[in-house]
Amino acid sequence: MRARGDAVAKALGPNLSRPRVFVYDSGEDKPFTAGALAMPTALIHAAGGVNVMDDVAQSWTQVSWESVIARNPQAIVIIDYGSVTADQKIRYLTGNPALANIEAVRERRFIVVPYDAATPGVRNADAVETIARALHPLAFAPDAARSARGQ
């Protein structure tokens, strides 16, 4: 796991911009999300992003849609589990007029991460790679790999 995380860090390099990311677990009236103490915050950081709720001193918690709108995430990590599918969650986000001006919704930047990769465990490296590739696709493009090797 450490080697995979190190490979992501090397691909991203030291001078990357860190896109704003919101974690959407569930909920329509109030979204259930990851605060500063939840595993996805560390995964997003390792993947070269910043959780827009990293100032909420909790693990998993409910927030208001107004706070999400105000923080204008550039990407949304969808936690995929349970009876509501990731596709249904995306349809909810894209179909809610109140969320239409959020950059991630406008640009359709959704990153689906399975539940077992978003909670502490051996699949965390999968989540870091998935999130990093979605946030920084050019860092993982074949041309970027060749230039990093001097070819």
C-alpha atoms as a PDB file:
ATOM      1  CA  MET A   1       0.000   0.000   0.000  1.00  0.00           C
ATOM      2  CA  ARG A   2       2.807   2.394   0.872  1.00  0.00           C
ATOM      3  CA  ALA A   3       4.535   1.788  -2.481  1.00  0.00           C
ATOM      4  CA  ARG A   4       1.312   2.558  -4.354  1.00  0.00           C
ATOM      5  CA  GLY A   5       0.840   5.759  -2.336  1.00  0.00           C
ATOM      6  CA  ASP A   6       4.442   6.751  -3.012  1.00  0.00           C
ATOM      7  CA  ALA A   7       3.916   6.161  -6.753  1.00  0.00           C
ATOM      8  CA  VAL A   8       0.893   8.495  -6.705  1.00  0.00           C
ATOM      9  CA  ALA A   9       2.862  11.157  -4.817  1.00  0.00           C
ATOM     10  CA  LYS A  10       5.723  10.879  -7.343  1.00  0.00           C
ATOM     11  CA  ALA A  11       3.332  11.184 -10.298  1.00  0.00           C
ATOM     12  CA  LEU A  12       1.688  14.260  -8.779  1.00  0.00           C
ATOM     13  CA  GLY A  13       4.933  16.006  -7.919  1.00  0.00           C
ATOM     14  CA  PRO A  14       5.451  18.692  -5.284  1.00  0.00           C
ATOM     15  CA  ASN A  15       3.848  21.707  -7.004  1.00  0.00           C
ATOM     16  CA  LEU A  16       0.325  20.584  -7.734  1.00  0.00           C
ATOM     17  CA  SER A  17      -2.837  22.572  -7.293  1.00  0.00           C
ATOM     18  CA  ARG A  18      -5.242  20.871  -4.903  1.00  0.00           C
ATOM     19  CA  PRO A  19      -8.816  20.791  -6.219  1.00  0.00           C
ATOM     20  CA  ARG A  20     -11.673  21.228  -3.755  1.00  0.00           C
ATOM     21  CA  VAL A  21     -13.513  17.929  -3.200  1.00  0.00           C
ATOM     22  CA  PHE A  22     -16.813  17.125  -1.505  1.00  0.00           C
ATOM     23  CA  VAL A  23     -17.550  13.609  -0.258  1.00  0.00           C
ATOM     24  CA  TYR A  24     -21.158  12.582  -0.855  1.00  0.00           C
ATOM     25  CA  ASP A  25     -22.138   9.530   1.121  1.00  0.00           C
ATOM     26  CA  SER A  26     -25.913   9.873   1.176  1.00  0.00           C
ATOM     27  CA  GLY A  27     -28.859  12.076   2.048  1.00  0.00           C
ATOM     28  CA  GLU A  28     -31.076  14.441   0.165  1.00  0.00           C
ATOM     29  CA  ASP A  29     -32.418  16.930   2.736  1.00  0.00           C
ATOM     30  CA  LYS A  30     -28.973  17.166   4.332  1.00  0.00           C
ATOM     31  CA  PRO A  31     -25.938  15.443   2.853  1.00  0.00           C
ATOM     32  CA  PHE A  32     -24.012  12.948   4.966  1.00  0.00           C
ATOM     33  CA  THR A  33     -20.310  13.558   4.370  1.00  0.00           C
ATOM     34  CA  ALA A  34     -16.773  13.103   5.630  1.00  0.00           C
ATOM     35  CA  GLY A  35     -15.391  15.683   8.027  1.00  0.00           C
ATOM     36  CA  ALA A  36     -11.776  16.215   9.049  1.00  0.00           C
ATOM     37  CA  LEU A  37     -11.545  12.975  11.035  1.00  0.00           C
ATOM     38  CA  ALA A  38     -12.990  10.609   8.411  1.00  0.00           C
ATOM     39  CA  MET A  39     -10.809   8.386   6.244  1.00  0.00           C
ATOM     40  CA  PRO A  40     -11.789  10.038   2.936  1.00  0.00           C
ATOM     41  CA  THR A  41     -10.167  13.292   4.040  1.00  0.00           C
ATOM     42  CA  ALA A  42      -6.785  11.531   4.258  1.00  0.00           C
ATOM     43  CA  LEU A  43      -7.419   9.706   0.973  1.00  0.00           C
ATOM     44  CA  ILE A  44      -8.287  12.943  -0.827  1.00  0.00           C
ATOM     45  CA  HIS A  45      -5.197  14.651   0.581  1.00  0.00           C
ATOM     46  CA  ALA A  46      -2.971  11.755  -0.536  1.00  0.00           C
ATOM     47  CA  ALA A  47      -4.607  11.991  -3.973  1.00  0.00           C
ATOM     48  CA  GLY A  48      -3.752  15.672  -4.358  1.00  0.00           C
ATOM     49  CA  GLY A  49      -7.025  17.281  -3.309  1.00  0.00           C
ATOM     50  CA  VAL A  50      -8.561  18.969  -0.293  1.00  0.00           C
ATOM     51  CA  ASN A  51     -11.835  17.987   1.357  1.00  0.00           C
ATOM     52  CA  VAL A  52     -14.064  21.074   1.437  1.00  0.00           C
ATOM     53  CA  MET A  53     -15.304  19.892   4.843  1.00  0.00           C
ATOM     54  CA  ASP A  54     -11.846  19.434   6.361  1.00  0.00           C
ATOM     55  CA  ASP A  55     -12.604  22.163   8.893  1.00  0.00           C
ATOM     56  CA  VAL A  56     -15.497  20.143  10.358  1.00  0.00           C
ATOM     57  CA  ALA A  57     -13.960  18.501  13.434  1.00  0.00           C
ATOM     58  CA  GLN A  58     -15.938  15.280  13.111  1.00  0.00           C
ATOM     59  CA  SER A  59     -15.702  11.986  11.316  1.00  0.00           C
ATOM     60  CA  TRP A  60     -18.898  11.332   9.344  1.00  0.00           C
ATOM     61  CA  THR A  61     -21.564  13.988   9.749  1.00  0.00           C
ATOM     62  CA  GLN A  62     -24.471  15.824   8.184  1.00  0.00           C
ATOM     63  CA  VAL A  63     -23.961  19.310   6.770  1.00  0.00           C
ATOM     64  CA  SER A  64     -26.231  21.704   4.911  1.00  0.00           C
ATOM     65  CA  TRP A  65     -26.422  21.914   1.130  1.00  0.00           C
ATOM     66  CA  GLU A  66     -25.870  25.664   1.577  1.00  0.00           C
ATOM     67  CA  SER A  67     -22.430  24.980   3.057  1.00  0.00           C
ATOM     68  CA  VAL A  68     -21.592  22.696   0.123  1.00  0.00           C
ATOM     69  CA  ILE A  69     -22.732  25.333  -2.378  1.00  0.00           C
ATOM     70  CA  ALA A  70     -20.700  28.029  -0.595  1.00  0.00           C
ATOM     71  CA  ARG A  71     -17.540  25.889  -0.770  1.00  0.00           C
ATOM     72  CA  ASN A  72     -18.114  25.133  -4.465  1.00  0.00           C
ATOM     73  CA  PRO A  73     -16.306  21.796  -4.812  1.00  0.00           C
ATOM     74  CA  GLN A  74     -14.532  21.110  -8.097  1.00  0.00           C
ATOM     75  CA  ALA A  75     -15.104  17.344  -7.774  1.00  0.00           C
ATOM     76  CA  ILE A  76     -17.431  15.120  -5.781  1.00  0.00           C
ATOM     77  CA  VAL A  77     -16.417  11.723  -4.427  1.00  0.00           C
ATOM     78  CA  ILE A  78     -19.461   9.442  -4.363  1.00  0.00           C
ATOM     79  CA  ILE A  79     -19.296   6.650  -1.779  1.00  0.00           C
ATOM     80  CA  ASP A  80     -20.877   3.643  -3.486  1.00  0.00           C
ATOM     81  CA  TYR A  81     -22.744   1.210  -1.245  1.00  0.00           C
ATOM     82  CA  GLY A  82     -26.214   0.196  -0.132  1.00  0.00           C
ATOM     83  CA  SER A  83     -29.543   0.315  -1.894  1.00  0.00           C
ATOM     84  CA  VAL A  84     -28.982   3.758  -3.450  1.00  0.00           C
ATOM     85  CA  THR A  85     -26.478   3.287  -6.275  1.00  0.00           C
ATOM     86  CA  ALA A  86     -23.757   5.716  -7.288  1.00  0.00           C
ATOM     87  CA  ASP A  87     -25.694   6.399 -10.506  1.00  0.00           C
ATOM     88  CA  GLN A  88     -28.793   7.298  -8.482  1.00  0.00           C
ATOM     89  CA  LYS A  89     -26.738   9.631  -6.295  1.00  0.00           C
ATOM     90  CA  ILE A  90     -25.288  11.320  -9.380  1.00  0.00           C
ATOM     91  CA  ARG A  91     -28.793  11.675 -10.876  1.00  0.00           C
ATOM     92  CA  TYR A  92     -29.934  13.326  -7.639  1.00  0.00           C
ATOM     93  CA  LEU A  93     -27.002  15.772  -7.642  1.00  0.00           C
ATOM     94  CA  THR A  94     -27.374  16.678 -11.311  1.00  0.00           C
ATOM     95  CA  GLY A  95     -31.157  16.897 -11.091  1.00  0.00           C
ATOM     96  CA  ASN A  96     -31.304  19.222  -8.082  1.00  0.00           C
ATOM     97  CA  PRO A  97     -31.608  22.816  -9.383  1.00  0.00           C
ATOM     98  CA  ALA A  98     -30.158  24.218  -6.138  1.00  0.00           C
ATOM     99  CA  LEU A  99     -26.869  22.423  -6.892  1.00  0.00           C
ATOM    100  CA  ALA A 100     -26.662  23.361 -10.576  1.00  0.00           C
ATOM    101  CA  ASN A 101     -24.001  26.056 -10.097  1.00  0.00           C
ATOM    102  CA  ILE A 102     -21.576  23.912  -8.111  1.00  0.00           C
ATOM    103  CA  GLU A 103     -18.526  23.508 -10.344  1.00  0.00           C
ATOM    104  CA  ALA A 104     -18.348  19.719  -9.833  1.00  0.00           C
ATOM    105  CA  VAL A 105     -21.995  19.309 -10.809  1.00  0.00           C
ATOM    106  CA  ARG A 106     -21.732  21.653 -13.819  1.00  0.00           C
ATOM    107  CA  GLU A 107     -18.607  19.842 -15.056  1.00  0.00           C
ATOM    108  CA  ARG A 108     -19.912  16.367 -14.107  1.00  0.00           C
ATOM    109  CA  ARG A 109     -16.768  15.615 -12.096  1.00  0.00           C
ATOM    110  CA  PHE A 110     -17.918  12.655 -10.039  1.00  0.00           C
ATOM    111  CA  ILE A 111     -15.483  10.095  -8.661  1.00  0.00           C
ATOM    112  CA  VAL A 112     -17.063   6.844  -7.547  1.00  0.00           C
ATOM    113  CA  VAL A 113     -15.304   5.045  -4.695  1.00  0.00           C
ATOM    114  CA  PRO A 114     -16.618   1.775  -3.221  1.00  0.00           C
ATOM    115  CA  TYR A 115     -17.406   1.818   0.490  1.00  0.00           C
ATOM    116  CA  ASP A 116     -14.675  -0.680   1.346  1.00  0.00           C
ATOM    117  CA  ALA A 117     -12.070   1.564  -0.300  1.00  0.00           C
ATOM    118  CA  ALA A 118     -13.319   4.675   1.545  1.00  0.00           C
ATOM    119  CA  THR A 119     -13.119   3.169   5.025  1.00  0.00           C
ATOM    120  CA  PRO A 120      -9.859   2.109   6.717  1.00  0.00           C
ATOM    121  CA  GLY A 121      -8.460  -1.014   5.091  1.00  0.00           C
ATOM    122  CA  VAL A 122      -6.357  -2.584   2.382  1.00  0.00           C
ATOM    123  CA  ARG A 123      -8.383  -1.003  -0.446  1.00  0.00           C
ATOM    124  CA  ASN A 124      -7.385   2.538   0.560  1.00  0.00           C
ATOM    125  CA  ALA A 125      -4.582   2.485  -2.032  1.00  0.00           C
ATOM    126  CA  ASP A 126      -7.240   1.797  -4.692  1.00  0.00           C
ATOM    127  CA  ALA A 127      -9.169   4.872  -3.531  1.00  0.00           C
ATOM    128  CA  VAL A 128      -6.081   7.108  -3.574  1.00  0.00           C
ATOM    129  CA  GLU A 129      -5.232   6.003  -7.112  1.00  0.00           C
ATOM    130  CA  THR A 130      -8.819   6.433  -8.333  1.00  0.00           C
ATOM    131  CA  ILE A 131      -9.185   9.893  -6.821  1.00  0.00           C
ATOM    132  CA  ALA A 132      -5.724  11.058  -7.959  1.00  0.00           C
ATOM    133  CA  ARG A 133      -6.300   9.935 -11.552  1.00  0.00           C
ATOM    134  CA  ALA A 134      -9.639  11.758 -11.624  1.00  0.00           C
ATOM    135  CA  LEU A 135      -8.322  14.964 -10.041  1.00  0.00           C
ATOM    136  CA  HIS A 136      -5.025  15.076 -11.958  1.00  0.00           C
ATOM    137  CA  PRO A 137      -5.461  13.088 -15.196  1.00  0.00           C
ATOM    138  CA  LEU A 138      -2.489  14.727 -16.915  1.00  0.00           C
ATOM    139  CA  ALA A 139      -0.110  13.490 -14.210  1.00  0.00           C
ATOM    140  CA  PHE A 140      -1.027   9.935 -15.185  1.00  0.00           C
ATOM    141  CA  ALA A 141      -1.156  10.367 -18.962  1.00  0.00           C
ATOM    142  CA  PRO A 142       1.280   8.199 -20.945  1.00  0.00           C
ATOM    143  CA  ASP A 143       3.193  11.300 -22.099  1.00  0.00           C
ATOM    144  CA  ALA A 144       3.703  12.395 -18.479  1.00  0.00           C
ATOM    145  CA  ALA A 145       5.131   8.985 -17.606  1.00  0.00           C
ATOM    146  CA  ARG A 146       7.552   9.082 -20.541  1.00  0.00           C
ATOM    147  CA  SER A 147       8.769  12.585 -19.668  1.00  0.00           C
ATOM    148  CA  ALA A 148       9.260  11.596 -16.042  1.00  0.00           C
ATOM    149  CA  ARG A 149      11.523   8.785 -17.247  1.00  0.00           C
ATOM    150  CA  GLY A 150      13.396  11.121 -19.604  1.00  0.00           C
ATOM    151  CA  GLN A 151      12.158   9.478 -22.811  1.00  0.00           C
END
